[in-house]
Amino acid sequence: MTPEQLAEKILQALAALAVDGAITVEGGLPRELKVERPKNPEHGDYATNVAMQLGKRAGMNPRAFAELLAAKLQGDEAITAVEIAGPGFINLRVAADAQGKVAQAILDAGPAYGTSDSLQGRAINVEFISANPTGPLHLGHTRWAAVGDALARVLAAAGASVSREFYINDRGNQMDKFGASLQAAAHGHKIPEDGYHGEYILDLAKRIVDEVPDLLTLPEDEQVIAFREAGYERQLKEQQDQLEHFRTKFDVWFSERSLHEQDGVPHAIQKLRDQGHLYEADDALWMRTTDFTDDKDRVLIRSNGEPTYFASDAAYYVNKRERGFETCIYMLGADHHGYVNRLKAIAACAGDDPEHNIEVLIGQLVKILKGGEEMKLSKRAGTIVTLAELVEEGGVDALRYTLCRYPTDSPLTLDIEEMTRQASENPVYYVQYAHARLASILRNADELGIKLDEFDPGLLSHEREGDLLRALAEFPRVVATAAELREPHRIARYLEDTASAFHKFYDSCRVLPRGDEEVEPVHKARLTLVSATRTVLANGLDLLGVSAPERM
């Protein structure tokens, strides 16, 4: 029995009491309710405070309300005990056979276990990397690559239609500086002070010249453009390859240039003008964002006729909404706090609800320690630690899991040695080892010729079996909550708790027969539980983009 199924039984009992005339609740009965696992297992398997929520509305003392509900629930064969505590808490114990059915339900659902329709019908755009195609992806991008991809997976598991988007900042002065830096490097000249430095510029310039030697024969002003475009193409491809290796895939690689080349900016400006939030002053075009909590109005078109970067932001938001996305999620770095109000103001000026149609998540800074020292310098990029170097140091699984394990709104310090240590104190190793151990048990059962051709859920009556079953039953709720709150770190913490419940179960309950022992129904029941646990850990790791190894 899952928590949701138990909650449904409680709702049915309430409805029966209402039909009998035993209760009359002002405003009607709730359509849904939650049951929780009590902090102290001695209090029961699950608990609900519904009597305290509805008692007053029913004109009754909550404890008296709880007694009526308890009496109704005690007639259900899936519930073995109902106890009232304090002012009206109801503690429930579930029958072993009812609880054990969770294992079979998990196996029947397979990879779909944990999914729900809680966000069904919602079209969500998740833009979680915005970068210049002028150099390697760095540590900040790496955190969002892991967390953003995990969030997109969690949202999709909750039933949303999700588009993963990378915003290419391929317009503006930084692109010209990139071209000038490559041109200077190709000629062996000193790179401009305000240009791009690092070994990668020298390598990229040489590669471009080797592949397109004719670039050096072009007039100087044409060379800058040619090197800019050649560097852009190759650097973007490198970013795409690195992210692919990091198991981060994007549905859309959106070019900022396209907003200007395909009239996206003029179109958005006209839409915003029609909403009545634009005005002209000092020969420039402004958006009155102060009407919607921004600290100052923003310039869209400068007095020289050039659009600002803010104009691109506004056009990009309008573009997303016109592509049919109900919710646009922006994931920005720690230095972008000032963008929150202005982005929400763009949504409001476009006639949208800034509390519904746009969400801005801010990620705090990450520090990486190696040998007790902070990694600050890159071999290739000079002043930044790159995604490629981090993957080389920590590995994809360890890096992704560790970055996803913590709330993004808090600073994070990661130690390479701790992150890659093969010990139970290392969370990613602990969870992956649990999965590998589960897979090993199932392989051994297969070698012994044990078939899961029968399953008696009532045999899973040991305390540790019940703990593990209840942990497995929580998975769909954890996924739905992680999606609702935009907090994929909840998946990682859940996996660690569930791995712990499995290890305690395995230490207390013999799964396979010893020596010449006959295969008993209890062995098959426990193997079914083992298989269900393996499915849940695999599904959870997949939501984080982390592999579920069969052997370790």
Protein backbone atom coordinates (compact mmCIF):
# COMPACT_ATOMS: atom_id res chain seq x y z
CA MET A 1 0.00 0.00 0.00
CA THR A 2 1.40 3.39 -0.98
CA PRO A 3 0.82 6.56 1.06
CA GLU A 4 -1.49 7.76 -1.70
CA GLN A 5 -3.59 4.58 -1.49
CA LEU A 6 -3.85 4.92 2.29
CA ALA A 7 -4.85 8.56 1.93
CA GLU A 8 -7.58 7.46 -0.49
CA LYS A 9 -8.89 4.98 2.09
CA ILE A 10 -9.07 7.77 4.68
CA LEU A 11 -10.98 9.97 2.21
CA GLN A 12 -13.39 7.11 1.55
CA ALA A 13 -13.92 6.66 5.30
CA LEU A 14 -14.63 10.38 5.69
CA ALA A 15 -17.11 10.24 2.81
CA ALA A 16 -18.85 7.25 4.45
CA LEU A 17 -19.13 9.16 7.74
CA ALA A 18 -20.65 12.10 5.90
CA VAL A 19 -23.18 9.87 4.12
CA ASP A 20 -24.10 8.28 7.47
CA GLY A 21 -24.69 11.75 8.89
CA ALA A 22 -22.01 11.26 11.55
CA ILE A 23 -20.08 14.35 10.39
CA THR A 24 -20.94 17.50 8.51
CA VAL A 25 -17.88 19.50 7.51
CA GLU A 26 -18.31 23.18 6.69
CA GLY A 27 -17.00 23.80 3.18
CA GLY A 28 -17.11 20.10 2.35
CA LEU A 29 -14.55 17.31 2.59
CA PRO A 30 -11.09 17.73 1.10
CA ARG A 31 -10.46 16.16 -2.29
CA GLU A 32 -7.03 14.97 -1.25
CA LEU A 33 -4.88 14.68 1.84
CA LYS A 34 -1.44 13.53 2.80
CA VAL A 35 -0.35 10.89 5.24
CA GLU A 36 3.13 11.11 6.67
CA ARG A 37 5.61 8.64 8.08
CA PRO A 38 5.99 9.49 11.79
CA LYS A 39 9.46 10.44 12.99
CA ASN A 40 9.21 7.78 15.68
CA PRO A 41 8.45 4.37 14.08
CA GLU A 42 6.96 3.20 17.38
CA HIS A 43 4.00 5.49 16.70
CA GLY A 44 3.00 3.48 13.62
CA ASP A 45 3.63 3.15 9.93
CA TYR A 46 1.81 6.33 8.94
CA ALA A 47 0.08 9.26 10.60
CA THR A 48 -2.46 11.93 9.66
CA ASN A 49 -3.66 15.13 11.32
CA VAL A 50 -6.87 15.28 9.25
CA ALA A 51 -9.03 15.20 12.42
CA MET A 52 -7.31 18.34 13.70
CA GLN A 53 -7.80 20.01 10.31
CA LEU A 54 -11.51 19.16 10.00
CA GLY A 55 -12.72 18.87 13.60
CA LYS A 56 -13.43 22.55 14.14
CA ARG A 57 -15.14 22.85 10.73
CA ALA A 58 -17.32 19.90 11.76
CA GLY A 59 -18.20 21.58 15.05
CA MET A 60 -16.48 18.82 17.00
CA ASN A 61 -13.54 18.35 19.33
CA PRO A 62 -10.70 17.07 17.06
CA ARG A 63 -10.14 14.03 19.26
CA ALA A 64 -13.83 13.10 19.09
CA PHE A 65 -13.66 13.54 15.31
CA ALA A 66 -10.58 11.28 15.27
CA GLU A 67 -12.42 8.59 17.26
CA LEU A 68 -15.23 8.48 14.68
CA LEU A 69 -12.74 8.21 11.83
CA ALA A 70 -10.64 5.59 13.66
CA ALA A 71 -13.67 3.39 14.21
CA LYS A 72 -14.48 3.52 10.50
CA LEU A 73 -10.89 2.74 9.45
CA GLN A 74 -10.57 -0.22 11.82
CA GLY A 75 -12.96 -2.17 9.64
CA ASP A 76 -10.50 -2.10 6.73
CA GLU A 77 -8.56 -5.36 6.43
CA ALA A 78 -5.50 -3.52 5.06
CA ILE A 79 -5.18 -1.59 8.33
CA THR A 80 -4.19 -3.58 11.42
CA ALA A 81 -4.22 -0.81 14.03
CA VAL A 82 -5.51 2.74 14.44
CA GLU A 83 -4.40 4.75 17.46
CA ILE A 84 -5.28 8.29 18.50
CA ALA A 85 -2.53 10.40 20.03
CA GLY A 86 -2.53 13.81 21.67
CA PRO A 87 -5.22 16.26 20.59
CA GLY A 88 -6.25 14.21 17.55
CA PHE A 89 -3.36 12.71 15.62
CA ILE A 90 -4.23 9.37 14.06
CA ASN A 91 -1.46 6.75 13.84
CA LEU A 92 -2.00 3.79 11.54
CA ARG A 93 -0.36 0.43 11.03
CA VAL A 94 -0.71 -1.33 7.69
CA ALA A 95 -1.10 -5.08 7.23
CA ALA A 96 2.01 -6.83 5.92
CA ASP A 97 0.28 -8.23 2.84
CA ALA A 98 -1.09 -4.80 1.92
CA GLN A 99 2.28 -3.15 2.46
CA GLY A 100 4.13 -5.91 0.61
CA LYS A 101 2.10 -5.34 -2.55
CA VAL A 102 4.18 -2.21 -3.11
CA ALA A 103 7.06 -4.43 -4.27
CA GLN A 104 4.97 -6.04 -7.01
CA ALA A 105 3.55 -2.69 -8.07
CA ILE A 106 7.12 -1.37 -8.50
CA LEU A 107 8.12 -4.34 -10.65
CA ASP A 108 4.98 -3.98 -12.76
CA ALA A 109 5.73 -0.27 -13.36
CA GLY A 110 9.47 -0.77 -13.95
CA PRO A 111 11.20 2.40 -15.24
CA ALA A 112 7.89 4.27 -14.94
CA TYR A 113 7.75 3.83 -11.16
CA GLY A 114 8.05 7.25 -9.55
CA THR A 115 6.42 9.11 -12.42
CA SER A 116 3.13 10.93 -11.96
CA ASP A 117 0.73 13.29 -13.69
CA SER A 118 1.05 16.05 -11.10
CA LEU A 119 2.33 18.49 -13.78
CA GLN A 120 0.49 16.98 -16.72
CA GLY A 121 -0.49 19.56 -19.30
CA ARG A 122 2.22 22.03 -18.23
CA ALA A 123 4.65 23.11 -20.94
CA ILE A 124 7.86 24.20 -19.19
CA ASN A 125 10.98 25.73 -20.71
CA VAL A 126 14.13 25.25 -18.61
CA GLU A 127 17.00 27.48 -19.68
CA PHE A 128 19.88 26.37 -17.52
CA ILE A 129 23.03 27.44 -19.31
CA SER A 130 23.60 30.84 -20.88
CA ALA A 131 27.14 31.13 -22.18
CA ASN A 132 29.37 32.88 -24.68
CA PRO A 133 30.79 30.59 -27.40
CA THR A 134 34.18 32.18 -26.74
CA GLY A 135 35.79 29.69 -24.38
CA PRO A 136 35.41 26.51 -22.36
CA LEU A 137 32.47 25.99 -20.03
CA HIS A 138 33.50 26.70 -16.45
CA LEU A 139 32.64 25.61 -12.90
CA GLY A 140 29.47 27.73 -12.70
CA HIS A 141 28.19 26.22 -15.94
CA THR A 142 29.06 22.76 -14.59
CA ARG A 143 26.78 23.15 -11.57
CA TRP A 144 23.85 24.22 -13.74
CA ALA A 145 24.60 21.50 -16.30
CA ALA A 146 24.09 18.87 -13.60
CA VAL A 147 21.27 20.49 -11.62
CA GLY A 148 19.40 21.90 -14.61
CA ASP A 149 19.41 18.59 -16.42
CA ALA A 150 18.28 16.79 -13.26
CA LEU A 151 15.49 19.33 -12.75
CA ALA A 152 14.32 18.84 -16.33
CA ARG A 153 14.26 15.06 -15.80
CA VAL A 154 12.29 15.45 -12.56
CA LEU A 155 9.77 17.82 -14.16
CA ALA A 156 9.26 15.37 -17.03
CA ALA A 157 8.79 12.53 -14.52
CA ALA A 158 6.03 14.60 -12.93
CA GLY A 159 4.22 14.74 -16.28
CA ALA A 160 5.31 18.12 -17.61
CA SER A 161 6.26 18.68 -21.24
CA VAL A 162 9.81 19.98 -20.83
CA SER A 163 12.19 21.72 -23.23
CA ARG A 164 15.84 22.00 -22.19
CA GLU A 165 17.41 25.16 -23.57
CA PHE A 166 20.94 26.56 -23.93
CA TYR A 167 21.08 30.31 -24.67
CA ILE A 168 24.06 31.13 -26.87
CA ASN A 169 25.34 34.66 -26.16
CA ASP A 170 26.69 35.05 -29.69
CA ARG A 171 26.16 38.76 -30.22
CA GLY A 172 27.99 41.86 -29.01
CA ASN A 173 31.47 43.13 -28.26
CA GLN A 174 32.67 39.92 -26.65
CA MET A 175 32.36 38.12 -29.98
CA ASP A 176 34.46 40.76 -31.76
CA LYS A 177 37.08 40.58 -28.99
CA PHE A 178 37.11 36.81 -29.44
CA GLY A 179 37.77 37.19 -33.18
CA ALA A 180 40.51 39.77 -32.58
CA SER A 181 42.16 37.49 -29.99
CA LEU A 182 42.20 34.55 -32.41
CA GLN A 183 43.54 36.70 -35.22
CA ALA A 184 46.36 38.03 -33.03
CA ALA A 185 47.25 34.52 -31.86
CA ALA A 186 47.27 33.23 -35.44
CA HIS A 187 49.81 35.90 -36.43
CA GLY A 188 51.91 35.42 -33.30
CA HIS A 189 51.00 38.91 -32.07
CA LYS A 190 50.24 39.93 -28.51
CA ILE A 191 46.60 39.35 -27.66
CA PRO A 192 44.75 42.60 -26.82
CA GLU A 193 44.59 43.37 -23.09
CA ASP A 194 40.79 43.19 -23.09
CA GLY A 195 40.76 40.08 -25.30
CA TYR A 196 40.58 36.40 -24.46
CA HIS A 197 43.63 34.76 -22.96
CA GLY A 198 44.59 31.22 -22.16
CA GLU A 199 46.21 28.32 -23.89
CA TYR A 200 42.95 27.38 -25.59
CA ILE A 201 43.09 30.57 -27.71
CA LEU A 202 46.48 29.60 -29.09
CA ASP A 203 45.32 26.04 -29.75
CA LEU A 204 42.09 27.17 -31.41
CA ALA A 205 43.84 29.75 -33.59
CA LYS A 206 46.33 27.14 -34.81
CA ARG A 207 43.55 24.69 -35.52
CA ILE A 208 41.61 27.25 -37.55
CA VAL A 209 44.69 28.16 -39.61
CA ASP A 210 45.48 24.49 -40.20
CA GLU A 211 41.91 23.83 -41.38
CA VAL A 212 41.33 27.11 -43.27
CA PRO A 213 44.77 28.55 -44.21
CA ASP A 214 43.23 31.05 -46.63
CA LEU A 215 41.95 33.11 -43.68
CA LEU A 216 45.41 34.66 -43.31
CA THR A 217 45.22 36.10 -46.83
CA LEU A 218 42.02 38.09 -46.20
CA PRO A 219 42.07 41.85 -45.54
CA GLU A 220 42.64 42.55 -41.86
CA ASP A 221 39.09 43.70 -41.04
CA GLU A 222 37.67 40.65 -42.80
CA GLN A 223 40.09 38.41 -40.92
CA VAL A 224 38.64 39.43 -37.55
CA ILE A 225 35.15 38.46 -38.72
CA ALA A 226 36.38 35.24 -40.31
CA PHE A 227 38.30 34.19 -37.19
CA ARG A 228 35.33 35.15 -35.04
CA GLU A 229 32.95 32.94 -37.00
CA ALA A 230 35.38 30.04 -37.34
CA GLY A 231 36.17 30.19 -33.63
CA TYR A 232 32.46 30.45 -32.78
CA GLU A 233 31.63 27.30 -34.75
CA ARG A 234 34.43 25.24 -33.23
CA GLN A 235 34.08 26.50 -29.67
CA LEU A 236 30.33 25.88 -29.66
CA LYS A 237 30.91 22.36 -30.97
CA GLU A 238 33.40 21.77 -28.14
CA GLN A 239 30.84 22.96 -25.58
CA GLN A 240 28.22 20.66 -27.09
CA ASP A 241 30.58 17.68 -27.04
CA GLN A 242 31.60 18.33 -23.42
CA LEU A 243 27.98 18.56 -22.29
CA GLU A 244 27.09 15.40 -24.19
CA HIS A 245 29.90 13.60 -22.37
CA PHE A 246 28.55 15.03 -19.10
CA ARG A 247 25.16 13.44 -19.98
CA THR A 248 23.54 16.85 -20.34
CA LYS A 249 21.42 17.15 -23.45
CA PHE A 250 19.61 20.20 -24.76
CA ASP A 251 16.54 20.22 -26.96
CA VAL A 252 17.22 23.75 -28.17
CA TRP A 253 20.44 25.70 -28.70
CA PHE A 254 19.02 29.20 -29.01
CA SER A 255 21.12 31.89 -30.70
CA GLU A 256 20.84 35.45 -29.39
CA ARG A 257 21.73 36.61 -32.89
CA SER A 258 18.58 35.01 -34.28
CA LEU A 259 16.43 37.44 -32.27
CA HIS A 260 17.97 40.30 -34.21
CA GLU A 261 18.36 38.61 -37.59
CA GLN A 262 14.76 37.34 -37.65
CA ASP A 263 13.04 40.51 -36.34
CA GLY A 264 12.50 38.99 -32.91
CA VAL A 265 13.48 42.21 -31.16
CA PRO A 266 11.23 44.57 -33.22
CA HIS A 267 8.36 42.09 -32.84
CA ALA A 268 8.77 41.96 -29.04
CA ILE A 269 9.06 45.74 -28.79
CA GLN A 270 5.82 46.16 -30.69
CA LYS A 271 4.08 43.68 -28.40
CA LEU A 272 5.38 45.49 -25.31
CA ARG A 273 4.37 48.83 -26.83
CA ASP A 274 0.85 47.51 -27.35
CA GLN A 275 0.74 46.62 -23.64
CA GLY A 276 1.41 50.28 -22.83
CA HIS A 277 4.68 49.95 -20.91
CA LEU A 278 7.16 51.67 -23.28
CA TYR A 279 8.07 55.36 -23.47
CA GLU A 280 10.70 57.57 -25.10
CA ALA A 281 13.11 59.82 -23.22
CA ASP A 282 16.55 61.24 -24.03
CA ASP A 283 16.20 59.94 -27.61
CA ALA A 284 16.05 56.37 -26.26
CA LEU A 285 13.25 53.83 -25.92
CA TRP A 286 12.55 52.69 -22.35
CA MET A 287 10.46 50.02 -20.66
CA ARG A 288 8.69 51.17 -17.49
CA THR A 289 9.75 48.18 -15.41
CA THR A 290 9.47 50.18 -12.17
CA ASP A 291 5.72 49.58 -12.43
CA PHE A 292 6.55 45.98 -11.52
CA THR A 293 9.08 46.09 -8.63
CA ASP A 294 12.23 46.71 -10.73
CA ASP A 295 14.55 49.27 -9.15
CA LYS A 296 14.79 51.40 -12.30
CA ASP A 297 13.36 51.59 -15.81
CA ARG A 298 15.35 49.84 -18.53
CA VAL A 299 16.55 51.06 -21.90
CA LEU A 300 15.54 48.91 -24.87
CA ILE A 301 16.91 51.03 -27.74
CA ARG A 302 19.81 53.41 -27.15
CA SER A 303 19.87 56.93 -28.51
CA ASN A 304 22.14 55.69 -31.35
CA GLY A 305 19.48 53.23 -32.43
CA GLU A 306 21.28 50.14 -31.09
CA PRO A 307 19.27 47.61 -29.05
CA THR A 308 20.54 46.84 -25.55
CA TYR A 309 21.20 43.42 -24.06
CA PHE A 310 17.98 43.98 -22.10
CA ALA A 311 16.14 44.19 -25.43
CA SER A 312 17.46 40.71 -26.21
CA ASP A 313 16.24 39.48 -22.80
CA ALA A 314 12.77 40.89 -23.44
CA ALA A 315 12.59 39.47 -26.98
CA TYR A 316 13.81 36.09 -25.76
CA TYR A 317 11.09 35.89 -23.11
CA VAL A 318 8.39 36.87 -25.62
CA ASN A 319 9.78 34.27 -28.02
CA LYS A 320 9.55 31.53 -25.39
CA ARG A 321 5.98 32.36 -24.52
CA GLU A 322 5.00 32.44 -28.20
CA ARG A 323 6.52 29.00 -28.60
CA GLY A 324 3.84 27.80 -26.20
CA PHE A 325 5.65 27.53 -22.87
CA GLU A 326 3.40 28.24 -19.92
CA THR A 327 6.30 28.45 -17.48
CA CYS A 328 9.78 29.76 -18.30
CA ILE A 329 12.44 28.76 -15.78
CA TYR A 330 15.72 30.68 -15.80
CA MET A 331 18.69 29.27 -13.91
CA LEU A 332 21.25 32.00 -13.27
CA GLY A 333 24.55 32.37 -11.46
CA ALA A 334 25.19 34.01 -8.09
CA ASP A 335 26.18 37.30 -9.73
CA HIS A 336 22.77 37.65 -11.39
CA HIS A 337 20.56 38.52 -8.40
CA GLY A 338 19.79 41.84 -10.06
CA TYR A 339 18.19 40.01 -12.96
CA VAL A 340 15.35 38.52 -10.94
CA ASN A 341 13.17 41.63 -10.70
CA ARG A 342 13.92 42.82 -14.22
CA LEU A 343 13.05 39.44 -15.75
CA LYS A 344 9.82 39.28 -13.76
CA ALA A 345 9.11 42.86 -14.86
CA ILE A 346 9.52 41.76 -18.50
CA ALA A 347 6.87 39.09 -17.96
CA ALA A 348 4.52 41.61 -16.33
CA CYS A 349 5.08 44.19 -19.09
CA ALA A 350 4.28 41.48 -21.65
CA GLY A 351 0.90 40.99 -19.98
CA ASP A 352 1.81 37.78 -18.15
CA ASP A 353 1.67 36.74 -14.51
CA PRO A 354 5.24 37.04 -13.18
CA GLU A 355 4.38 34.67 -10.32
CA HIS A 356 3.25 31.94 -12.69
CA ASN A 357 4.78 32.35 -16.12
CA ILE A 358 8.38 33.00 -15.10
CA GLU A 359 10.64 31.56 -12.42
CA VAL A 360 14.23 32.59 -11.71
CA LEU A 361 16.49 30.25 -9.75
CA ILE A 362 19.81 31.59 -8.47
CA GLY A 363 22.72 29.23 -7.90
CA GLN A 364 25.38 30.12 -5.38
CA LEU A 365 29.12 29.85 -5.85
CA VAL A 366 30.98 26.55 -5.88
CA LYS A 367 34.53 25.97 -4.70
CA ILE A 368 36.54 22.90 -5.63
CA LEU A 369 39.29 21.61 -3.34
CA LYS A 370 42.10 19.36 -4.50
CA GLY A 371 44.75 18.29 -2.02
CA GLY A 372 43.28 20.72 0.47
CA GLU A 373 43.80 23.68 -1.87
CA GLU A 374 41.15 25.52 -3.85
CA MET A 375 41.33 24.98 -7.61
CA LYS A 376 41.30 28.42 -9.23
CA LEU A 377 43.48 28.21 -12.29
CA SER A 378 42.97 26.17 -15.43
CA LYS A 379 45.68 24.58 -17.53
CA ARG A 380 43.88 25.66 -20.71
CA ALA A 381 41.70 28.64 -19.80
CA GLY A 382 43.95 30.55 -17.42
CA THR A 383 41.66 31.98 -14.75
CA ILE A 384 38.75 29.53 -14.71
CA VAL A 385 38.32 25.87 -13.84
CA THR A 386 36.66 24.17 -16.79
CA LEU A 387 33.95 21.54 -16.99
CA ALA A 388 36.29 19.23 -18.93
CA GLU A 389 38.97 19.44 -16.23
CA LEU A 390 36.43 18.83 -13.46
CA VAL A 391 35.12 15.73 -15.22
CA GLU A 392 38.69 14.50 -15.68
CA GLU A 393 39.38 14.99 -11.97
CA GLY A 394 36.13 13.67 -10.48
CA GLY A 395 34.37 11.63 -13.13
CA VAL A 396 30.88 12.19 -14.51
CA ASP A 397 28.94 10.22 -11.88
CA ALA A 398 30.65 11.66 -8.81
CA LEU A 399 30.51 15.21 -10.11
CA ARG A 400 26.89 15.09 -11.22
CA TYR A 401 25.64 13.40 -8.06
CA THR A 402 27.54 15.70 -5.72
CA LEU A 403 26.45 18.87 -7.51
CA CYS A 404 22.82 17.68 -7.49
CA ARG A 405 22.92 16.66 -3.83
CA TYR A 406 22.75 20.17 -2.36
CA PRO A 407 20.23 23.02 -2.63
CA THR A 408 21.41 25.44 -5.29
CA ASP A 409 20.68 28.51 -3.17
CA SER A 410 23.54 27.72 -0.78
CA PRO A 411 27.30 28.00 -1.45
CA LEU A 412 29.03 24.70 -2.02
CA THR A 413 32.57 23.46 -1.39
CA LEU A 414 33.49 20.14 -2.97
CA ASP A 415 36.58 18.12 -2.22
CA ILE A 416 37.79 16.03 -5.18
CA GLU A 417 39.32 13.39 -2.90
CA GLU A 418 36.14 13.03 -0.81
CA MET A 419 33.92 13.01 -3.89
CA THR A 420 35.80 10.12 -5.51
CA ARG A 421 36.61 8.07 -2.40
CA GLN A 422 35.26 4.51 -2.53
CA ALA A 423 33.87 4.37 0.99
CA SER A 424 30.41 4.32 2.55
CA GLU A 425 30.98 7.87 3.81
CA ASN A 426 30.89 9.03 0.18
CA PRO A 427 27.17 9.41 -0.72
CA VAL A 428 27.44 8.62 -4.43
CA TYR A 429 29.52 5.51 -3.74
CA TYR A 430 27.09 4.48 -0.98
CA VAL A 431 24.07 4.61 -3.30
CA GLN A 432 25.79 3.07 -6.31
CA TYR A 433 27.25 0.30 -4.14
CA ALA A 434 23.74 -0.49 -2.85
CA HIS A 435 22.53 -0.85 -6.44
CA ALA A 436 25.49 -3.05 -7.36
CA ARG A 437 24.86 -5.21 -4.28
CA LEU A 438 21.20 -5.61 -5.26
CA ALA A 439 22.20 -6.60 -8.79
CA SER A 440 24.68 -9.13 -7.37
CA ILE A 441 21.98 -10.75 -5.21
CA LEU A 442 19.71 -11.11 -8.24
CA ARG A 443 22.56 -12.60 -10.30
CA ASN A 444 23.26 -15.12 -7.56
CA ALA A 445 19.57 -16.04 -7.41
CA ASP A 446 19.56 -16.57 -11.16
CA GLU A 447 22.64 -18.81 -10.92
CA LEU A 448 20.81 -20.84 -8.26
CA GLY A 449 17.89 -21.20 -10.64
CA ILE A 450 15.48 -19.31 -8.38
CA LYS A 451 12.57 -17.91 -10.37
CA LEU A 452 10.32 -15.10 -9.18
CA ASP A 453 7.25 -17.05 -10.26
CA GLU A 454 5.32 -16.60 -7.04
CA PHE A 455 5.08 -13.81 -4.52
CA ASP A 456 3.28 -13.78 -1.18
CA PRO A 457 3.44 -10.16 0.04
CA GLY A 458 2.23 -11.18 3.50
CA LEU A 459 5.58 -12.90 4.11
CA LEU A 460 7.35 -9.53 4.19
CA SER A 461 6.43 -9.03 7.83
CA HIS A 462 9.84 -8.32 9.38
CA GLU A 463 10.31 -4.83 10.81
CA ARG A 464 13.20 -4.09 8.42
CA GLU A 465 11.15 -5.31 5.46
CA GLY A 466 8.37 -2.94 6.45
CA ASP A 467 10.83 -0.05 6.77
CA LEU A 468 12.21 -0.72 3.30
CA LEU A 469 8.77 -1.12 1.73
CA ARG A 470 7.60 2.17 3.21
CA ALA A 471 10.73 3.86 1.91
CA LEU A 472 10.07 2.50 -1.60
CA ALA A 473 6.45 3.60 -1.41
CA GLU A 474 7.58 7.19 -0.79
CA PHE A 475 9.45 7.51 -4.10
CA PRO A 476 6.59 8.85 -6.27
CA ARG A 477 5.79 11.49 -3.66
CA VAL A 478 9.45 12.52 -3.39
CA VAL A 479 9.70 12.93 -7.17
CA ALA A 480 6.48 14.95 -7.33
CA THR A 481 7.63 17.20 -4.47
CA ALA A 482 11.06 17.68 -6.04
CA ALA A 483 9.34 18.77 -9.24
CA GLU A 484 6.87 21.06 -7.49
CA LEU A 485 9.59 22.79 -5.43
CA ARG A 486 12.24 22.69 -8.19
CA GLU A 487 14.58 20.83 -5.82
CA PRO A 488 16.22 17.78 -7.42
CA HIS A 489 18.52 17.44 -4.39
CA ARG A 490 15.55 15.75 -2.66
CA ILE A 491 16.06 12.75 -4.98
CA ALA A 492 19.67 12.29 -3.87
CA ARG A 493 18.83 12.49 -0.17
CA TYR A 494 15.96 10.04 -0.68
CA LEU A 495 18.28 7.57 -2.44
CA GLU A 496 20.72 7.69 0.48
CA ASP A 497 17.95 7.02 3.00
CA THR A 498 16.59 4.16 0.89
CA ALA A 499 20.06 2.64 0.44
CA SER A 500 20.42 2.75 4.22
CA ALA A 501 17.05 1.01 4.66
CA PHE A 502 18.16 -1.68 2.21
CA HIS A 503 21.46 -2.34 3.99
CA LYS A 504 19.64 -2.68 7.33
CA PHE A 505 17.15 -5.07 5.74
CA TYR A 506 19.92 -7.15 4.19
CA ASP A 507 21.78 -7.37 7.48
CA SER A 508 18.64 -8.63 9.27
CA CYS A 509 16.86 -10.76 6.67
CA ARG A 510 18.47 -13.64 4.78
CA VAL A 511 17.47 -13.37 1.14
CA LEU A 512 19.02 -16.48 -0.44
CA PRO A 513 18.94 -20.01 0.99
CA ARG A 514 22.12 -21.35 2.55
CA GLY A 515 23.88 -24.39 1.14
CA ASP A 516 21.41 -27.23 0.61
CA GLU A 517 18.43 -25.35 2.04
CA GLU A 518 15.23 -25.56 0.06
CA VAL A 519 14.00 -22.43 -1.69
CA GLU A 520 11.12 -21.25 0.47
CA PRO A 521 8.37 -18.76 -0.45
CA VAL A 522 9.98 -16.26 1.95
CA HIS A 523 13.16 -16.30 -0.16
CA LYS A 524 11.14 -15.44 -3.27
CA ALA A 525 9.26 -12.73 -1.41
CA ARG A 526 12.52 -11.16 -0.30
CA LEU A 527 13.99 -11.46 -3.78
CA THR A 528 10.94 -9.62 -5.08
CA LEU A 529 11.67 -6.88 -2.55
CA VAL A 530 15.32 -6.83 -3.64
CA SER A 531 14.31 -6.48 -7.29
CA ALA A 532 11.89 -3.68 -6.45
CA THR A 533 14.58 -1.84 -4.49
CA ARG A 534 17.00 -2.16 -7.40
CA THR A 535 14.35 -0.65 -9.69
CA VAL A 536 13.80 2.34 -7.41
CA LEU A 537 17.51 3.08 -6.98
CA ALA A 538 18.05 2.80 -10.73
CA ASN A 539 15.11 5.10 -11.46
CA GLY A 540 16.30 7.64 -8.91
CA LEU A 541 19.88 7.65 -10.16
CA ASP A 542 18.60 8.09 -13.70
CA LEU A 543 16.72 11.22 -12.62
CA LEU A 544 20.08 12.64 -11.53
CA GLY A 545 21.81 11.52 -14.74
CA VAL A 546 24.00 9.13 -12.74
CA SER A 547 24.72 5.54 -13.77
CA ALA A 548 23.43 2.53 -11.83
CA PRO A 549 26.36 0.07 -11.93
CA GLU A 550 25.73 -3.68 -11.91
CA ARG A 551 29.16 -4.37 -10.43
CA MET A 552 31.59 -2.38 -8.29
